[in-house]
ModelCIF file with pLDDT and N, C-alpha, C, O atoms, coordinates in Angstrom:
data_MODEL
#
_entry.id   MODEL 
#
_entity.id                         1 
_entity.type                       polymer 
_entity.pdbx_number_of_molecules   1 
#
_entity_poly.entity_id                      1 
_entity_poly.type                           'polypeptide(L)' 
_entity_poly.nstd_linkage                   no 
_entity_poly.nstd_monomer                   no 
_entity_poly.pdbx_seq_one_letter_code       ALEDACSATGLQLVPDPGGAAFYGPKVSVQVKDAIGRTWQ 
_entity_poly.pdbx_seq_one_letter_code_can   ALEDACSATGLQLVPDPGGAAFYGPKVSVQVKDAIGRTWQ 
_entity_poly.pdbx_strand_id                 A 
#
loop_
_entity_poly_seq.entity_id 
_entity_poly_seq.num 
_entity_poly_seq.mon_id 
_entity_poly_seq.hetero 
1 1  ALA n 
1 2  LEU n 
1 3  GLU n 
1 4  ASP n 
1 5  ALA n 
1 6  CYS n 
1 7  SER n 
1 8  ALA n 
1 9  THR n 
1 10 GLY n 
1 11 LEU n 
1 12 GLN n 
1 13 LEU n 
1 14 VAL n 
1 15 PRO n 
1 16 ASP n 
1 17 PRO n 
1 18 GLY n 
1 19 GLY n 
1 20 ALA n 
1 21 ALA n 
1 22 PHE n 
1 23 TYR n 
1 24 GLY n 
1 25 PRO n 
1 26 LYS n 
1 27 VAL n 
1 28 SER n 
1 29 VAL n 
1 30 GLN n 
1 31 VAL n 
1 32 LYS n 
1 33 ASP n 
1 34 ALA n 
1 35 ILE n 
1 36 GLY n 
1 37 ARG n 
1 38 THR n 
1 39 TRP n 
1 40 GLN n 
#
_struct_asym.id          A 
_struct_asym.entity_id   1 
#
loop_
_ma_qa_metric.id 
_ma_qa_metric.mode 
_ma_qa_metric.name 
_ma_qa_metric.software_group_id 
_ma_qa_metric.type 
1 global pLDDT . pLDDT 
2 local  pLDDT . pLDDT 
#
_ma_qa_metric_global.metric_id      1 
_ma_qa_metric_global.metric_value   88.33 
_ma_qa_metric_global.model_id       1 
_ma_qa_metric_global.ordinal_id     1 
#
loop_
_ma_qa_metric_local.label_asym_id 
_ma_qa_metric_local.label_comp_id 
_ma_qa_metric_local.label_seq_id 
_ma_qa_metric_local.metric_id 
_ma_qa_metric_local.metric_value 
_ma_qa_metric_local.model_id 
_ma_qa_metric_local.ordinal_id 
A ALA 1  2 87.00 1 1  
A LEU 2  2 90.00 1 2  
A GLU 3  2 90.00 1 3  
A ASP 4  2 89.00 1 4  
A ALA 5  2 88.00 1 5  
A CYS 6  2 90.00 1 6  
A SER 7  2 89.00 1 7  
A ALA 8  2 87.00 1 8  
A THR 9  2 87.00 1 9  
A GLY 10 2 88.00 1 10 
A LEU 11 2 89.00 1 11 
A GLN 12 2 91.00 1 12 
A LEU 13 2 90.00 1 13 
A VAL 14 2 91.00 1 14 
A PRO 15 2 89.00 1 15 
A ASP 16 2 88.00 1 16 
A PRO 17 2 87.00 1 17 
A GLY 18 2 83.00 1 18 
A GLY 19 2 84.00 1 19 
A ALA 20 2 83.00 1 20 
A ALA 21 2 74.00 1 21 
A PHE 22 2 75.00 1 22 
A TYR 23 2 74.00 1 23 
A GLY 24 2 81.00 1 24 
A PRO 25 2 88.00 1 25 
A LYS 26 2 90.00 1 26 
A VAL 27 2 92.00 1 27 
A SER 28 2 93.00 1 28 
A VAL 29 2 93.00 1 29 
A GLN 30 2 93.00 1 30 
A VAL 31 2 94.00 1 31 
A LYS 32 2 93.00 1 32 
A ASP 33 2 93.00 1 33 
A ALA 34 2 92.00 1 34 
A ILE 35 2 91.00 1 35 
A GLY 36 2 89.00 1 36 
A ARG 37 2 90.00 1 37 
A THR 38 2 92.00 1 38 
A TRP 39 2 94.00 1 39 
A GLN 40 2 92.00 1 40 
#
loop_
_atom_site.group_PDB 
_atom_site.id 
_atom_site.type_symbol 
_atom_site.label_atom_id 
_atom_site.label_alt_id 
_atom_site.label_comp_id 
_atom_site.label_asym_id 
_atom_site.label_entity_id 
_atom_site.label_seq_id 
_atom_site.pdbx_PDB_ins_code 
_atom_site.Cartn_x 
_atom_site.Cartn_y 
_atom_site.Cartn_z 
_atom_site.occupancy 
_atom_site.B_iso_or_equiv 
_atom_site.pdbx_formal_charge 
_atom_site.auth_seq_id 
_atom_site.auth_comp_id 
_atom_site.auth_asym_id 
_atom_site.auth_atom_id 
_atom_site.pdbx_PDB_model_num 
ATOM 1   N N  . ALA A 1 1  ? 26.335 27.155 -4.108  1.00 87.00 ? 1  ALA A N  1 
ATOM 2   C CA . ALA A 1 1  ? 25.290 28.214 -4.288  1.00 87.00 ? 1  ALA A CA 1 
ATOM 3   C C  . ALA A 1 1  ? 23.941 27.487 -4.361  1.00 87.00 ? 1  ALA A C  1 
ATOM 4   O O  . ALA A 1 1  ? 22.978 27.926 -3.733  1.00 87.00 ? 1  ALA A O  1 
ATOM 5   N N  . LEU A 1 2  ? 23.857 26.413 -5.096  1.00 90.00 ? 2  LEU A N  1 
ATOM 6   C CA . LEU A 1 2  ? 22.588 25.676 -5.235  1.00 90.00 ? 2  LEU A CA 1 
ATOM 7   C C  . LEU A 1 2  ? 22.129 25.005 -3.912  1.00 90.00 ? 2  LEU A C  1 
ATOM 8   O O  . LEU A 1 2  ? 20.948 24.979 -3.569  1.00 90.00 ? 2  LEU A O  1 
ATOM 9   N N  . GLU A 1 3  ? 23.105 24.486 -3.222  1.00 90.00 ? 3  GLU A N  1 
ATOM 10  C CA . GLU A 1 3  ? 22.821 23.758 -1.997  1.00 90.00 ? 3  GLU A CA 1 
ATOM 11  C C  . GLU A 1 3  ? 22.268 24.771 -0.939  1.00 90.00 ? 3  GLU A C  1 
ATOM 12  O O  . GLU A 1 3  ? 21.289 24.480 -0.252  1.00 90.00 ? 3  GLU A O  1 
ATOM 13  N N  . ASP A 1 4  ? 22.909 25.947 -0.827  1.00 89.00 ? 4  ASP A N  1 
ATOM 14  C CA . ASP A 1 4  ? 22.436 26.961 0.106   1.00 89.00 ? 4  ASP A CA 1 
ATOM 15  C C  . ASP A 1 4  ? 20.994 27.459 -0.266  1.00 89.00 ? 4  ASP A C  1 
ATOM 16  O O  . ASP A 1 4  ? 20.140 27.691 0.590   1.00 89.00 ? 4  ASP A O  1 
ATOM 17  N N  . ALA A 1 5  ? 20.796 27.603 -1.613  1.00 88.00 ? 5  ALA A N  1 
ATOM 18  C CA . ALA A 1 5  ? 19.445 28.126 -2.051  1.00 88.00 ? 5  ALA A CA 1 
ATOM 19  C C  . ALA A 1 5  ? 18.393 27.018 -1.679  1.00 88.00 ? 5  ALA A C  1 
ATOM 20  O O  . ALA A 1 5  ? 17.299 27.346 -1.218  1.00 88.00 ? 5  ALA A O  1 
ATOM 21  N N  . CYS A 1 6  ? 18.711 25.790 -1.870  1.00 90.00 ? 6  CYS A N  1 
ATOM 22  C CA . CYS A 1 6  ? 17.731 24.717 -1.534  1.00 90.00 ? 6  CYS A CA 1 
ATOM 23  C C  . CYS A 1 6  ? 17.463 24.625 -0.106  1.00 90.00 ? 6  CYS A C  1 
ATOM 24  O O  . CYS A 1 6  ? 16.312 24.429 0.283   1.00 90.00 ? 6  CYS A O  1 
ATOM 25  N N  . SER A 1 7  ? 18.523 24.762 0.777   1.00 89.00 ? 7  SER A N  1 
ATOM 26  C CA . SER A 1 7  ? 18.333 24.722 2.227   1.00 89.00 ? 7  SER A CA 1 
ATOM 27  C C  . SER A 1 7  ? 17.433 25.794 2.704   1.00 89.00 ? 7  SER A C  1 
ATOM 28  O O  . SER A 1 7  ? 16.699 25.601 3.674   1.00 89.00 ? 7  SER A O  1 
ATOM 29  N N  . ALA A 1 8  ? 17.461 26.955 2.041   1.00 87.00 ? 8  ALA A N  1 
ATOM 30  C CA . ALA A 1 8  ? 16.753 28.088 2.474   1.00 87.00 ? 8  ALA A CA 1 
ATOM 31  C C  . ALA A 1 8  ? 15.201 27.899 2.250   1.00 87.00 ? 8  ALA A C  1 
ATOM 32  O O  . ALA A 1 8  ? 14.396 28.595 2.867   1.00 87.00 ? 8  ALA A O  1 
ATOM 33  N N  . THR A 1 9  ? 14.819 26.953 1.364   1.00 87.00 ? 9  THR A N  1 
ATOM 34  C CA . THR A 1 9  ? 13.412 26.643 1.084   1.00 87.00 ? 9  THR A CA 1 
ATOM 35  C C  . THR A 1 9  ? 12.809 25.796 2.282   1.00 87.00 ? 9  THR A C  1 
ATOM 36  O O  . THR A 1 9  ? 11.615 25.913 2.560   1.00 87.00 ? 9  THR A O  1 
ATOM 37  N N  . GLY A 1 10 ? 13.578 25.008 2.935   1.00 88.00 ? 10 GLY A N  1 
ATOM 38  C CA . GLY A 1 10 ? 13.072 24.145 3.998   1.00 88.00 ? 10 GLY A CA 1 
ATOM 39  C C  . GLY A 1 10 ? 12.577 22.869 3.378   1.00 88.00 ? 10 GLY A C  1 
ATOM 40  O O  . GLY A 1 10 ? 12.134 21.991 4.118   1.00 88.00 ? 10 GLY A O  1 
ATOM 41  N N  . LEU A 1 11 ? 12.619 22.697 2.059   1.00 89.00 ? 11 LEU A N  1 
ATOM 42  C CA . LEU A 1 11 ? 12.078 21.484 1.420   1.00 89.00 ? 11 LEU A CA 1 
ATOM 43  C C  . LEU A 1 11 ? 13.160 20.325 1.489   1.00 89.00 ? 11 LEU A C  1 
ATOM 44  O O  . LEU A 1 11 ? 14.360 20.575 1.608   1.00 89.00 ? 11 LEU A O  1 
ATOM 45  N N  . GLN A 1 12 ? 12.682 19.125 1.412   1.00 91.00 ? 12 GLN A N  1 
ATOM 46  C CA . GLN A 1 12 ? 13.582 17.922 1.323   1.00 91.00 ? 12 GLN A CA 1 
ATOM 47  C C  . GLN A 1 12 ? 14.497 18.085 0.104   1.00 91.00 ? 12 GLN A C  1 
ATOM 48  O O  . GLN A 1 12 ? 14.049 18.499 -0.965  1.00 91.00 ? 12 GLN A O  1 
ATOM 49  N N  . LEU A 1 13 ? 15.708 17.776 0.266   1.00 90.00 ? 13 LEU A N  1 
ATOM 50  C CA . LEU A 1 13 ? 16.695 17.804 -0.809  1.00 90.00 ? 13 LEU A CA 1 
ATOM 51  C C  . LEU A 1 13 ? 17.336 16.486 -1.025  1.00 90.00 ? 13 LEU A C  1 
ATOM 52  O O  . LEU A 1 13 ? 17.982 15.951 -0.125  1.00 90.00 ? 13 LEU A O  1 
ATOM 53  N N  . VAL A 1 14 ? 17.172 15.932 -2.223  1.00 91.00 ? 14 VAL A N  1 
ATOM 54  C CA . VAL A 1 14 ? 17.608 14.561 -2.615  1.00 91.00 ? 14 VAL A CA 1 
ATOM 55  C C  . VAL A 1 14 ? 18.769 14.695 -3.527  1.00 91.00 ? 14 VAL A C  1 
ATOM 56  O O  . VAL A 1 14 ? 18.680 15.405 -4.529  1.00 91.00 ? 14 VAL A O  1 
ATOM 57  N N  . PRO A 1 15 ? 19.882 14.033 -3.223  1.00 89.00 ? 15 PRO A N  1 
ATOM 58  C CA . PRO A 1 15 ? 21.075 14.168 -4.091  1.00 89.00 ? 15 PRO A CA 1 
ATOM 59  C C  . PRO A 1 15 ? 20.888 13.295 -5.287  1.00 89.00 ? 15 PRO A C  1 
ATOM 60  O O  . PRO A 1 15 ? 20.274 12.229 -5.235  1.00 89.00 ? 15 PRO A O  1 
ATOM 61  N N  . ASP A 1 16 ? 21.492 13.827 -6.473  1.00 88.00 ? 16 ASP A N  1 
ATOM 62  C CA . ASP A 1 16 ? 21.542 13.038 -7.722  1.00 88.00 ? 16 ASP A CA 1 
ATOM 63  C C  . ASP A 1 16 ? 22.949 13.139 -8.332  1.00 88.00 ? 16 ASP A C  1 
ATOM 64  O O  . ASP A 1 16 ? 23.146 13.833 -9.330  1.00 88.00 ? 16 ASP A O  1 
ATOM 65  N N  . PRO A 1 17 ? 23.885 12.472 -7.753  1.00 87.00 ? 17 PRO A N  1 
ATOM 66  C CA . PRO A 1 17 ? 25.258 12.556 -8.285  1.00 87.00 ? 17 PRO A CA 1 
ATOM 67  C C  . PRO A 1 17 ? 25.317 12.041 -9.717  1.00 87.00 ? 17 PRO A C  1 
ATOM 68  O O  . PRO A 1 17 ? 24.717 11.025 -10.069 1.00 87.00 ? 17 PRO A O  1 
ATOM 69  N N  . GLY A 1 18 ? 26.068 12.787 -10.530 1.00 83.00 ? 18 GLY A N  1 
ATOM 70  C CA . GLY A 1 18 ? 26.285 12.429 -11.916 1.00 83.00 ? 18 GLY A CA 1 
ATOM 71  C C  . GLY A 1 18 ? 25.153 12.873 -12.931 1.00 83.00 ? 18 GLY A C  1 
ATOM 72  O O  . GLY A 1 18 ? 25.251 12.648 -14.138 1.00 83.00 ? 18 GLY A O  1 
ATOM 73  N N  . GLY A 1 19 ? 24.042 13.538 -12.342 1.00 84.00 ? 19 GLY A N  1 
ATOM 74  C CA . GLY A 1 19 ? 22.967 13.948 -13.159 1.00 84.00 ? 19 GLY A CA 1 
ATOM 75  C C  . GLY A 1 19 ? 23.013 15.318 -13.682 1.00 84.00 ? 19 GLY A C  1 
ATOM 76  O O  . GLY A 1 19 ? 22.067 15.761 -14.332 1.00 84.00 ? 19 GLY A O  1 
ATOM 77  N N  . ALA A 1 20 ? 24.120 16.051 -13.420 1.00 83.00 ? 20 ALA A N  1 
ATOM 78  C CA . ALA A 1 20 ? 24.235 17.482 -13.810 1.00 83.00 ? 20 ALA A CA 1 
ATOM 79  C C  . ALA A 1 20 ? 24.263 17.580 -15.284 1.00 83.00 ? 20 ALA A C  1 
ATOM 80  O O  . ALA A 1 20 ? 24.481 16.590 -15.982 1.00 83.00 ? 20 ALA A O  1 
ATOM 81  N N  . ALA A 1 21 ? 24.045 18.760 -15.773 1.00 74.00 ? 21 ALA A N  1 
ATOM 82  C CA . ALA A 1 21 ? 24.283 19.125 -17.213 1.00 74.00 ? 21 ALA A CA 1 
ATOM 83  C C  . ALA A 1 21 ? 25.820 19.136 -17.333 1.00 74.00 ? 21 ALA A C  1 
ATOM 84  O O  . ALA A 1 21 ? 26.511 19.153 -16.315 1.00 74.00 ? 21 ALA A O  1 
ATOM 85  N N  . PHE A 1 22 ? 26.347 19.128 -18.534 1.00 75.00 ? 22 PHE A N  1 
ATOM 86  C CA . PHE A 1 22 ? 27.759 19.099 -18.797 1.00 75.00 ? 22 PHE A CA 1 
ATOM 87  C C  . PHE A 1 22 ? 28.432 20.357 -18.342 1.00 75.00 ? 22 PHE A C  1 
ATOM 88  O O  . PHE A 1 22 ? 29.618 20.359 -18.014 1.00 75.00 ? 22 PHE A O  1 
ATOM 89  N N  . TYR A 1 23 ? 27.670 21.442 -18.320 1.00 74.00 ? 23 TYR A N  1 
ATOM 90  C CA . TYR A 1 23 ? 28.197 22.770 -18.008 1.00 74.00 ? 23 TYR A CA 1 
ATOM 91  C C  . TYR A 1 23 ? 28.035 23.256 -16.536 1.00 74.00 ? 23 TYR A C  1 
ATOM 92  O O  . TYR A 1 23 ? 28.503 24.324 -16.142 1.00 74.00 ? 23 TYR A O  1 
ATOM 93  N N  . GLY A 1 24 ? 27.374 22.436 -15.798 1.00 81.00 ? 24 GLY A N  1 
ATOM 94  C CA . GLY A 1 24 ? 27.129 22.902 -14.326 1.00 81.00 ? 24 GLY A CA 1 
ATOM 95  C C  . GLY A 1 24 ? 26.000 22.110 -13.661 1.00 81.00 ? 24 GLY A C  1 
ATOM 96  O O  . GLY A 1 24 ? 25.212 21.438 -14.327 1.00 81.00 ? 24 GLY A O  1 
ATOM 97  N N  . PRO A 1 25 ? 25.946 22.211 -12.300 1.00 88.00 ? 25 PRO A N  1 
ATOM 98  C CA . PRO A 1 25 ? 24.988 21.550 -11.559 1.00 88.00 ? 25 PRO A CA 1 
ATOM 99  C C  . PRO A 1 25 ? 23.645 22.128 -11.701 1.00 88.00 ? 25 PRO A C  1 
ATOM 100 O O  . PRO A 1 25 ? 23.515 23.253 -12.182 1.00 88.00 ? 25 PRO A O  1 
ATOM 101 N N  . LYS A 1 26 ? 22.598 21.405 -11.300 1.00 90.00 ? 26 LYS A N  1 
ATOM 102 C CA . LYS A 1 26 ? 21.171 21.888 -11.459 1.00 90.00 ? 26 LYS A CA 1 
ATOM 103 C C  . LYS A 1 26 ? 20.376 21.414 -10.250 1.00 90.00 ? 26 LYS A C  1 
ATOM 104 O O  . LYS A 1 26 ? 20.720 20.446 -9.571  1.00 90.00 ? 26 LYS A O  1 
ATOM 105 N N  . VAL A 1 27 ? 19.267 22.170 -10.015 1.00 92.00 ? 27 VAL A N  1 
ATOM 106 C CA . VAL A 1 27 ? 18.257 21.790 -9.059  1.00 92.00 ? 27 VAL A CA 1 
ATOM 107 C C  . VAL A 1 27 ? 16.942 21.587 -9.862  1.00 92.00 ? 27 VAL A C  1 
ATOM 108 O O  . VAL A 1 27 ? 16.625 22.403 -10.727 1.00 92.00 ? 27 VAL A O  1 
ATOM 109 N N  . SER A 1 28 ? 16.209 20.550 -9.592  1.00 93.00 ? 28 SER A N  1 
ATOM 110 C CA . SER A 1 28 ? 14.884 20.343 -10.187 1.00 93.00 ? 28 SER A CA 1 
ATOM 111 C C  . SER A 1 28 ? 13.876 20.206 -9.093  1.00 93.00 ? 28 SER A C  1 
ATOM 112 O O  . SER A 1 28 ? 14.141 19.662 -8.020  1.00 93.00 ? 28 SER A O  1 
ATOM 113 N N  . VAL A 1 29 ? 12.709 20.717 -9.396  1.00 93.00 ? 29 VAL A N  1 
ATOM 114 C CA . VAL A 1 29 ? 11.591 20.640 -8.442  1.00 93.00 ? 29 VAL A CA 1 
ATOM 115 C C  . VAL A 1 29 ? 10.768 19.410 -8.867  1.00 93.00 ? 29 VAL A C  1 
ATOM 116 O O  . VAL A 1 29 ? 10.248 19.345 -9.981  1.00 93.00 ? 29 VAL A O  1 
ATOM 117 N N  . GLN A 1 30 ? 10.667 18.436 -7.943  1.00 93.00 ? 30 GLN A N  1 
ATOM 118 C CA . GLN A 1 30 ? 9.970  17.167 -8.148  1.00 93.00 ? 30 GLN A CA 1 
ATOM 119 C C  . GLN A 1 30 ? 8.584  17.353 -7.487  1.00 93.00 ? 30 GLN A C  1 
ATOM 120 O O  . GLN A 1 30 ? 8.489  17.660 -6.298  1.00 93.00 ? 30 GLN A O  1 
ATOM 121 N N  . VAL A 1 31 ? 7.512  17.160 -8.287  1.00 94.00 ? 31 VAL A N  1 
ATOM 122 C CA . VAL A 1 31 ? 6.145  17.386 -7.865  1.00 94.00 ? 31 VAL A CA 1 
ATOM 123 C C  . VAL A 1 31 ? 5.409  16.123 -7.835  1.00 94.00 ? 31 VAL A C  1 
ATOM 124 O O  . VAL A 1 31 ? 5.526  15.319 -8.759  1.00 94.00 ? 31 VAL A O  1 
ATOM 125 N N  . LYS A 1 32 ? 4.626  15.894 -6.786  1.00 93.00 ? 32 LYS A N  1 
ATOM 126 C CA . LYS A 1 32 ? 3.715  14.794 -6.709  1.00 93.00 ? 32 LYS A CA 1 
ATOM 127 C C  . LYS A 1 32 ? 2.366  15.167 -7.092  1.00 93.00 ? 32 LYS A C  1 
ATOM 128 O O  . LYS A 1 32 ? 1.847  16.193 -6.652  1.00 93.00 ? 32 LYS A O  1 
ATOM 129 N N  . ASP A 1 33 ? 1.722  14.310 -7.962  1.00 93.00 ? 33 ASP A N  1 
ATOM 130 C CA . ASP A 1 33 ? 0.409  14.673 -8.457  1.00 93.00 ? 33 ASP A CA 1 
ATOM 131 C C  . ASP A 1 33 ? -0.701 14.033 -7.561  1.00 93.00 ? 33 ASP A C  1 
ATOM 132 O O  . ASP A 1 33 ? -0.429 13.483 -6.494  1.00 93.00 ? 33 ASP A O  1 
ATOM 133 N N  . ALA A 1 34 ? -1.916 14.135 -8.038  1.00 92.00 ? 34 ALA A N  1 
ATOM 134 C CA . ALA A 1 34 ? -3.114 13.743 -7.176  1.00 92.00 ? 34 ALA A CA 1 
ATOM 135 C C  . ALA A 1 34 ? -3.087 12.258 -6.759  1.00 92.00 ? 34 ALA A C  1 
ATOM 136 O O  . ALA A 1 34 ? -3.722 11.881 -5.774  1.00 92.00 ? 34 ALA A O  1 
ATOM 137 N N  . ILE A 1 35 ? -2.341 11.408 -7.521  1.00 91.00 ? 35 ILE A N  1 
ATOM 138 C CA . ILE A 1 35 ? -2.309 9.960  -7.190  1.00 91.00 ? 35 ILE A CA 1 
ATOM 139 C C  . ILE A 1 35 ? -0.914 9.591  -6.753  1.00 91.00 ? 35 ILE A C  1 
ATOM 140 O O  . ILE A 1 35 ? -0.577 8.409  -6.695  1.00 91.00 ? 35 ILE A O  1 
ATOM 141 N N  . GLY A 1 36 ? -0.082 10.597 -6.441  1.00 89.00 ? 36 GLY A N  1 
ATOM 142 C CA . GLY A 1 36 ? 1.187  10.190 -5.770  1.00 89.00 ? 36 GLY A CA 1 
ATOM 143 C C  . GLY A 1 36 ? 2.379  9.998  -6.658  1.00 89.00 ? 36 GLY A C  1 
ATOM 144 O O  . GLY A 1 36 ? 3.468  9.687  -6.177  1.00 89.00 ? 36 GLY A O  1 
ATOM 145 N N  . ARG A 1 37 ? 2.189  10.184 -7.993  1.00 90.00 ? 37 ARG A N  1 
ATOM 146 C CA . ARG A 1 37 ? 3.311  10.026 -8.943  1.00 90.00 ? 37 ARG A CA 1 
ATOM 147 C C  . ARG A 1 37 ? 4.103  11.249 -8.875  1.00 90.00 ? 37 ARG A C  1 
ATOM 148 O O  . ARG A 1 37 ? 3.583  12.339 -8.634  1.00 90.00 ? 37 ARG A O  1 
ATOM 149 N N  . THR A 1 38 ? 5.488  11.072 -9.106  1.00 92.00 ? 38 THR A N  1 
ATOM 150 C CA . THR A 1 38 ? 6.454  12.198 -9.102  1.00 92.00 ? 38 THR A CA 1 
ATOM 151 C C  . THR A 1 38 ? 6.778  12.597 -10.505 1.00 92.00 ? 38 THR A C  1 
ATOM 152 O O  . THR A 1 38 ? 7.034  11.754 -11.364 1.00 92.00 ? 38 THR A O  1 
ATOM 153 N N  . TRP A 1 39 ? 6.766  13.940 -10.749 1.00 94.00 ? 39 TRP A N  1 
ATOM 154 C CA . TRP A 1 39 ? 7.122  14.451 -12.036 1.00 94.00 ? 39 TRP A CA 1 
ATOM 155 C C  . TRP A 1 39 ? 8.146  15.540 -11.857 1.00 94.00 ? 39 TRP A C  1 
ATOM 156 O O  . TRP A 1 39 ? 8.005  16.365 -10.954 1.00 94.00 ? 39 TRP A O  1 
ATOM 157 N N  . GLN A 1 40 ? 9.209  15.577 -12.711 1.00 92.00 ? 40 GLN A N  1 
ATOM 158 C CA . GLN A 1 40 ? 10.129 16.686 -12.651 1.00 92.00 ? 40 GLN A CA 1 
ATOM 159 C C  . GLN A 1 40 ? 9.512  17.898 -13.387 1.00 92.00 ? 40 GLN A C  1 
ATOM 160 O O  . GLN A 1 40 ? 10.133 18.959 -13.458 1.00 92.00 ? 40 GLN A O  1 
#
């Protein structure tokens, strides 16, 4: 369900195996700031 929702956005999707919460998978939006750093 999360993969399909991400694909629909057209944005790059980066896998993070093992990073889920204990109760289920998650998607996070990673944002680049004005000097190129990435923030969740």
